[in-house]
């Protein structure tokens, strides 16, 4: 097992333990809603501390049910994950493109493709005068 595989396995194990631990120990069993969000917890705490507190503003949109609210939250999380994944994909693509450009600028690499190794073939990029990659000539000019 490689070092990366061990690290990935340990990370997955930690995530599973963190997800199962609260359920196994019954954390939150004494509450009416054991997995309520932070907003509900804050509202309860404020109501206990200052019962006459008036909110400064009200929500612009109040979902009709908890299921719709959960669906909107999941949609928001999915869009955020997509944005982050897009950023990392673009960053990786640019890094790979820069590495390829640097490799091309340093000279042609040895190819393991037998067709590319044939002299005079268009895929070889040998730079010979008869090839398509040679001296700025194209197949139609001569």
Foldseek 3Di string as FASTA:
>chain_A
DDPVVVVVVVVVVVVVCVVCVCVVVVQQVVPPDSDDDPVVVVVVVCCVVDVPDDDPDDDPDDDPDPVVVVVVVVVVVVVVVVVVVVVVVVVVVVVVVVVVVVVVVVDDDDDPDPQLPDPLEQNVLPQDPNHCNHDPDHPPDD
